[in-house]
Each structure stands twice: as C-alpha cells, then as structure tokens.
Amino acid sequence: MRFTKPKDITFDELAVTSGVSTRTIKRYAAGGNVTTVNAEAISKALNNIRRSRRGNHRDKNVLIPETQKEFFFQISMFRHNLFWSSPIDKVRNIDGVISTYVKSPNLHDLHLLVRLFGSRRVLLIAKVVYQAVLEEFGIPKSKLPVLPEYQTVVRMVNYSMRTIQ
C-alpha cells in the first residue's frame, strides 16, 4: 500500500485500506491521525503481522523481518522512556532502539523487542554493543560470555523466548 497524498490519514481509513482492525493499528500509532510516513511504516508492520499469522513467515514469533531497518515506535510501548530528548512517537532506526534498550535492560522492554524483532537480532546487537564496551576498556572480546551485563541480557531474552512460545 502506498500513500501519495500529503495529508493525514485516519485510523479508519488505514484499517479499510489495509484490511486490519482499527484496534491493531492504534497499537502502532498515537493520536487521532497518522502522517503518510508513519502510515507506511504501520502498513509494513501490519503486513508482517498478517504474514506471521498465516504461517508464511520464517519465524512465527518475529513480527518485523531483519531486512526492515526502520519502524514506527510509540514511546508508550516501552516501560522506560530512554528517548527523553525526543518525546514524540516517530519512525526510528530499529538497531539503534535495540542497542539503547540493551544498554539499560529491563524485562518488559526486552520482551517487547524480542516479540517484534526476534531473539537472534536482539542478541546479535547486544553482542556488538558489549564487545564495543570491552574494546573501549582494553579487555579481550573472549571475556564477553562472563560479562555480567551481557549475561543479564541473554537471560532476559531467553526468558522472553520461553514465555512467547
């Protein structure tokens, strides 16, 4: 679905166009209307949800594929707002959001990220983030598995995967 008119699109219009319920769309957007840029991001997410429900998606627990680089994030989705400098809901880089929440992990937010993007993607980004921390302090990368912060993230992601299935 492509939106070409530079206008706001109501949730009802998006629901009719995409064939998905208004309630589902409201989970991905804030306010009464949604801009065309946000509508396209929401539309992609809803298509991925539809595909995952039909079973055509490779991993039934992942809603957003690894190839997608940006996503419309609603700040209210997260328990801890780590985007204090930008209090608006907007399309953000997925890997940047994951790395931010991996640096300051909590179970609710990591569970949401695992549900949306999959455990493999979250753990891969966590590994990159914590390897950079080790490198910054001159510690060999081989010490990553015993790093307590990394172990915490791995335990939270594993717990999230068990509760999703």
C-alpha atoms as a PDB file:
ATOM      1  CA  MET A   1       0.000   0.000   0.000  1.00  0.00           C
ATOM      2  CA  ARG A   2       1.396   3.393  -0.967  1.00  0.00           C
ATOM      3  CA  PHE A   3       0.151   6.759   0.289  1.00  0.00           C
ATOM      4  CA  THR A   4       0.854   9.574  -2.119  1.00  0.00           C
ATOM      5  CA  LYS A   5      -1.326  12.414  -0.837  1.00  0.00           C
ATOM      6  CA  PRO A   6       0.338  14.739   1.683  1.00  0.00           C
ATOM      7  CA  LYS A   7      -2.474  14.555   4.219  1.00  0.00           C
ATOM      8  CA  ASP A   8      -3.238  12.884   7.486  1.00  0.00           C
ATOM      9  CA  ILE A   9      -4.909   9.519   7.262  1.00  0.00           C
ATOM     10  CA  THR A  10      -7.389   8.477   9.897  1.00  0.00           C
ATOM     11  CA  PHE A  11      -7.138   5.114  11.599  1.00  0.00           C
ATOM     12  CA  ASP A  12     -10.414   4.083   9.994  1.00  0.00           C
ATOM     13  CA  GLU A  13      -9.120   4.865   6.501  1.00  0.00           C
ATOM     14  CA  LEU A  14      -5.957   2.898   7.195  1.00  0.00           C
ATOM     15  CA  ALA A  15      -8.000  -0.006   8.572  1.00  0.00           C
ATOM     16  CA  VAL A  16     -10.210  -0.117   5.485  1.00  0.00           C
ATOM     17  CA  THR A  17      -7.244   0.144   3.111  1.00  0.00           C
ATOM     18  CA  SER A  18      -5.111  -2.458   4.881  1.00  0.00           C
ATOM     19  CA  GLY A  19      -7.875  -4.836   5.956  1.00  0.00           C
ATOM     20  CA  VAL A  20      -6.672  -4.829   9.558  1.00  0.00           C
ATOM     21  CA  SER A  21      -8.726  -3.777  12.565  1.00  0.00           C
ATOM     22  CA  THR A  22      -8.550  -0.215  13.855  1.00  0.00           C
ATOM     23  CA  ARG A  23      -7.599  -1.538  17.295  1.00  0.00           C
ATOM     24  CA  THR A  24      -4.494  -3.233  15.886  1.00  0.00           C
ATOM     25  CA  ILE A  25      -3.482  -0.080  14.038  1.00  0.00           C
ATOM     26  CA  LYS A  26      -3.862   2.033  17.178  1.00  0.00           C
ATOM     27  CA  ARG A  27      -1.241  -0.127  18.881  1.00  0.00           C
ATOM     28  CA  TYR A  28       1.291   1.235  16.415  1.00  0.00           C
ATOM     29  CA  ALA A  29       0.324   4.892  16.366  1.00  0.00           C
ATOM     30  CA  ALA A  30      -0.593   7.714  18.700  1.00  0.00           C
ATOM     31  CA  GLY A  31      -3.231  10.409  18.363  1.00  0.00           C
ATOM     32  CA  GLY A  32      -6.288  10.547  16.150  1.00  0.00           C
ATOM     33  CA  ASN A  33      -4.463  10.738  12.832  1.00  0.00           C
ATOM     34  CA  VAL A  34      -1.293   9.351  11.394  1.00  0.00           C
ATOM     35  CA  THR A  35       1.008  11.035   8.855  1.00  0.00           C
ATOM     36  CA  THR A  36       1.771   9.439   5.500  1.00  0.00           C
ATOM     37  CA  VAL A  37       5.304   8.449   6.561  1.00  0.00           C
ATOM     38  CA  ASN A  38       4.034   6.803   9.734  1.00  0.00           C
ATOM     39  CA  ALA A  39       1.172   5.191   7.840  1.00  0.00           C
ATOM     40  CA  GLU A  40       3.611   3.457   5.519  1.00  0.00           C
ATOM     41  CA  ALA A  41       5.662   2.139   8.457  1.00  0.00           C
ATOM     42  CA  ILE A  42       2.478   0.962  10.191  1.00  0.00           C
ATOM     43  CA  SER A  43       1.278  -0.623   6.973  1.00  0.00           C
ATOM     44  CA  LYS A  44       4.520  -2.615   6.648  1.00  0.00           C
ATOM     45  CA  ALA A  45       4.232  -3.764  10.251  1.00  0.00           C
ATOM     46  CA  LEU A  46       0.629  -4.841   9.755  1.00  0.00           C
ATOM     47  CA  ASN A  47       1.517  -6.768   6.610  1.00  0.00           C
ATOM     48  CA  ASN A  48       4.219  -8.569   8.560  1.00  0.00           C
ATOM     49  CA  ILE A  49       1.734  -9.367  11.318  1.00  0.00           C
ATOM     50  CA  ARG A  50      -0.689 -10.749   8.759  1.00  0.00           C
ATOM     51  CA  ARG A  51       2.059 -12.875   7.188  1.00  0.00           C
ATOM     52  CA  SER A  52       3.179 -14.191  10.573  1.00  0.00           C
ATOM     53  CA  ARG A  53      -0.393 -15.159  11.457  1.00  0.00           C
ATOM     54  CA  ARG A  54      -0.770 -17.104   8.229  1.00  0.00           C
ATOM     55  CA  GLY A  55       2.406 -19.022   8.980  1.00  0.00           C
ATOM     56  CA  ASN A  56       4.272 -17.893   5.859  1.00  0.00           C
ATOM     57  CA  HIS A  57       6.894 -16.095   7.927  1.00  0.00           C
ATOM     58  CA  ARG A  58      10.100 -17.994   8.674  1.00  0.00           C
ATOM     59  CA  ASP A  59       9.917 -17.430  12.448  1.00  0.00           C
ATOM     60  CA  LYS A  60       6.351 -17.333  13.712  1.00  0.00           C
ATOM     61  CA  ASN A  61       7.357 -15.262  16.758  1.00  0.00           C
ATOM     62  CA  VAL A  62       9.011 -12.438  14.815  1.00  0.00           C
ATOM     63  CA  LEU A  63       6.675  -9.747  13.546  1.00  0.00           C
ATOM     64  CA  ILE A  64       9.202  -7.490  11.805  1.00  0.00           C
ATOM     65  CA  PRO A  65      11.781  -9.076   9.438  1.00  0.00           C
ATOM     66  CA  GLU A  66      15.505  -8.448   9.814  1.00  0.00           C
ATOM     67  CA  THR A  67      15.639  -6.684   6.471  1.00  0.00           C
ATOM     68  CA  GLN A  68      13.499  -3.829   7.769  1.00  0.00           C
ATOM     69  CA  LYS A  69      15.697  -1.033   9.101  1.00  0.00           C
ATOM     70  CA  GLU A  70      13.115   1.434  10.443  1.00  0.00           C
ATOM     71  CA  PHE A  71       9.910   1.106  12.429  1.00  0.00           C
ATOM     72  CA  PHE A  72       7.305   3.454  13.889  1.00  0.00           C
ATOM     73  CA  PHE A  73       7.957   3.351  17.634  1.00  0.00           C
ATOM     74  CA  GLN A  74       5.421   4.610  20.080  1.00  0.00           C
ATOM     75  CA  ILE A  75       7.124   5.770  23.270  1.00  0.00           C
ATOM     76  CA  SER A  76       4.197   4.419  25.271  1.00  0.00           C
ATOM     77  CA  MET A  77       5.114   0.911  24.075  1.00  0.00           C
ATOM     78  CA  PHE A  78       8.072   0.937  26.445  1.00  0.00           C
ATOM     79  CA  ARG A  79       8.020   0.903  30.216  1.00  0.00           C
ATOM     80  CA  HIS A  80      11.158   3.060  30.468  1.00  0.00           C
ATOM     81  CA  ASN A  81      11.442   6.057  28.158  1.00  0.00           C
ATOM     82  CA  LEU A  82      15.073   6.113  27.091  1.00  0.00           C
ATOM     83  CA  PHE A  83      14.306   8.698  24.409  1.00  0.00           C
ATOM     84  CA  TRP A  84      13.816  11.622  26.802  1.00  0.00           C
ATOM     85  CA  SER A  85      15.299  14.092  24.339  1.00  0.00           C
ATOM     86  CA  SER A  86      12.627  13.289  21.771  1.00  0.00           C
ATOM     87  CA  PRO A  87       9.208  12.967  23.421  1.00  0.00           C
ATOM     88  CA  ILE A  88       7.314  12.270  20.188  1.00  0.00           C
ATOM     89  CA  ASP A  89       6.392   8.995  18.564  1.00  0.00           C
ATOM     90  CA  LYS A  90       8.234   8.598  15.282  1.00  0.00           C
ATOM     91  CA  VAL A  91       9.947   6.280  12.858  1.00  0.00           C
ATOM     92  CA  ARG A  92      13.321   5.261  14.277  1.00  0.00           C
ATOM     93  CA  ASN A  93      16.217   3.024  13.332  1.00  0.00           C
ATOM     94  CA  ILE A  94      15.448  -0.435  14.759  1.00  0.00           C
ATOM     95  CA  ASP A  95      19.044  -1.366  15.558  1.00  0.00           C
ATOM     96  CA  GLY A  96      19.546   1.962  17.355  1.00  0.00           C
ATOM     97  CA  VAL A  97      16.488   1.403  19.535  1.00  0.00           C
ATOM     98  CA  ILE A  98      17.538  -2.162  20.362  1.00  0.00           C
ATOM     99  CA  SER A  99      21.074  -1.066  21.275  1.00  0.00           C
ATOM    100  CA  THR A 100      19.693   1.682  23.524  1.00  0.00           C
ATOM    101  CA  TYR A 101      17.465  -0.737  25.424  1.00  0.00           C
ATOM    102  CA  VAL A 102      20.170  -3.417  25.604  1.00  0.00           C
ATOM    103  CA  LYS A 103      22.496  -0.978  27.364  1.00  0.00           C
ATOM    104  CA  SER A 104      19.881  -0.409  30.065  1.00  0.00           C
ATOM    105  CA  PRO A 105      17.889  -3.656  30.065  1.00  0.00           C
ATOM    106  CA  ASN A 106      14.588  -4.371  31.755  1.00  0.00           C
ATOM    107  CA  LEU A 107      12.470  -7.441  31.166  1.00  0.00           C
ATOM    108  CA  HIS A 108       9.337  -5.703  29.863  1.00  0.00           C
ATOM    109  CA  ASP A 109      11.119  -3.692  27.184  1.00  0.00           C
ATOM    110  CA  LEU A 110      13.390  -6.537  26.077  1.00  0.00           C
ATOM    111  CA  HIS A 111      10.362  -8.834  25.861  1.00  0.00           C
ATOM    112  CA  LEU A 112       8.689  -6.311  23.546  1.00  0.00           C
ATOM    113  CA  LEU A 113      11.808  -6.075  21.373  1.00  0.00           C
ATOM    114  CA  VAL A 114      12.154  -9.860  21.206  1.00  0.00           C
ATOM    115  CA  ARG A 115       8.487 -10.184  20.267  1.00  0.00           C
ATOM    116  CA  LEU A 116       8.808  -7.604  17.494  1.00  0.00           C
ATOM    117  CA  PHE A 117      12.271  -8.310  16.101  1.00  0.00           C
ATOM    118  CA  GLY A 118      13.267 -11.778  17.329  1.00  0.00           C
ATOM    119  CA  SER A 119      15.784 -13.046  19.823  1.00  0.00           C
ATOM    120  CA  ARG A 120      18.506 -13.529  17.228  1.00  0.00           C
ATOM    121  CA  ARG A 121      18.508  -9.872  16.220  1.00  0.00           C
ATOM    122  CA  VAL A 122      18.369  -8.610  19.824  1.00  0.00           C
ATOM    123  CA  LEU A 123      21.227 -10.908  20.924  1.00  0.00           C
ATOM    124  CA  LEU A 124      23.344 -10.006  17.897  1.00  0.00           C
ATOM    125  CA  ILE A 125      23.029  -6.296  18.657  1.00  0.00           C
ATOM    126  CA  ALA A 126      23.679  -6.933  22.374  1.00  0.00           C
ATOM    127  CA  LYS A 127      26.859  -8.793  21.444  1.00  0.00           C
ATOM    128  CA  VAL A 128      28.056  -5.907  19.268  1.00  0.00           C
ATOM    129  CA  VAL A 129      27.247  -3.331  21.974  1.00  0.00           C
ATOM    130  CA  TYR A 130      29.031  -5.179  24.758  1.00  0.00           C
ATOM    131  CA  GLN A 131      32.014  -6.074  22.569  1.00  0.00           C
ATOM    132  CA  ALA A 132      32.445  -2.355  21.935  1.00  0.00           C
ATOM    133  CA  VAL A 133      32.378  -1.751  25.702  1.00  0.00           C
ATOM    134  CA  LEU A 134      35.052  -4.406  26.254  1.00  0.00           C
ATOM    135  CA  GLU A 135      37.166  -2.947  23.467  1.00  0.00           C
ATOM    136  CA  GLU A 136      36.835   0.525  24.967  1.00  0.00           C
ATOM    137  CA  PHE A 137      38.355  -0.689  28.235  1.00  0.00           C
ATOM    138  CA  GLY A 138      41.023  -2.855  26.581  1.00  0.00           C
ATOM    139  CA  ILE A 139      39.507  -6.166  27.715  1.00  0.00           C
ATOM    140  CA  PRO A 140      39.714  -9.098  25.275  1.00  0.00           C
ATOM    141  CA  LYS A 141      36.476  -9.960  23.466  1.00  0.00           C
ATOM    142  CA  SER A 142      36.772 -13.527  24.724  1.00  0.00           C
ATOM    143  CA  LYS A 143      35.583 -12.253  28.127  1.00  0.00           C
ATOM    144  CA  LEU A 144      32.151 -11.368  26.695  1.00  0.00           C
ATOM    145  CA  PRO A 145      30.332 -14.526  27.920  1.00  0.00           C
ATOM    146  CA  VAL A 146      31.332 -13.804  31.537  1.00  0.00           C
ATOM    147  CA  LEU A 147      30.406 -10.122  31.441  1.00  0.00           C
ATOM    148  CA  PRO A 148      27.529  -9.775  33.977  1.00  0.00           C
ATOM    149  CA  GLU A 149      25.613  -7.162  31.955  1.00  0.00           C
ATOM    150  CA  TYR A 150      25.701  -9.319  28.832  1.00  0.00           C
ATOM    151  CA  GLN A 151      24.645 -12.384  30.839  1.00  0.00           C
ATOM    152  CA  THR A 152      21.669 -10.413  32.161  1.00  0.00           C
ATOM    153  CA  VAL A 153      20.534  -9.508  28.654  1.00  0.00           C
ATOM    154  CA  VAL A 154      20.947 -13.112  27.471  1.00  0.00           C
ATOM    155  CA  ARG A 155      18.896 -14.420  30.420  1.00  0.00           C
ATOM    156  CA  MET A 156      16.133 -11.874  29.795  1.00  0.00           C
ATOM    157  CA  VAL A 157      15.983 -12.700  26.076  1.00  0.00           C
ATOM    158  CA  ASN A 158      15.908 -16.444  26.776  1.00  0.00           C
ATOM    159  CA  TYR A 159      13.139 -15.962  29.336  1.00  0.00           C
ATOM    160  CA  SER A 160      11.192 -13.887  26.830  1.00  0.00           C
ATOM    161  CA  MET A 161      11.502 -16.598  24.201  1.00  0.00           C
ATOM    162  CA  ARG A 162      10.151 -19.217  26.624  1.00  0.00           C
ATOM    163  CA  THR A 163       7.144 -17.072  27.516  1.00  0.00           C
ATOM    164  CA  ILE A 164       6.335 -16.236  23.878  1.00  0.00           C
ATOM    165  CA  GLN A 165       6.095 -19.854  22.750  1.00  0.00           C
END
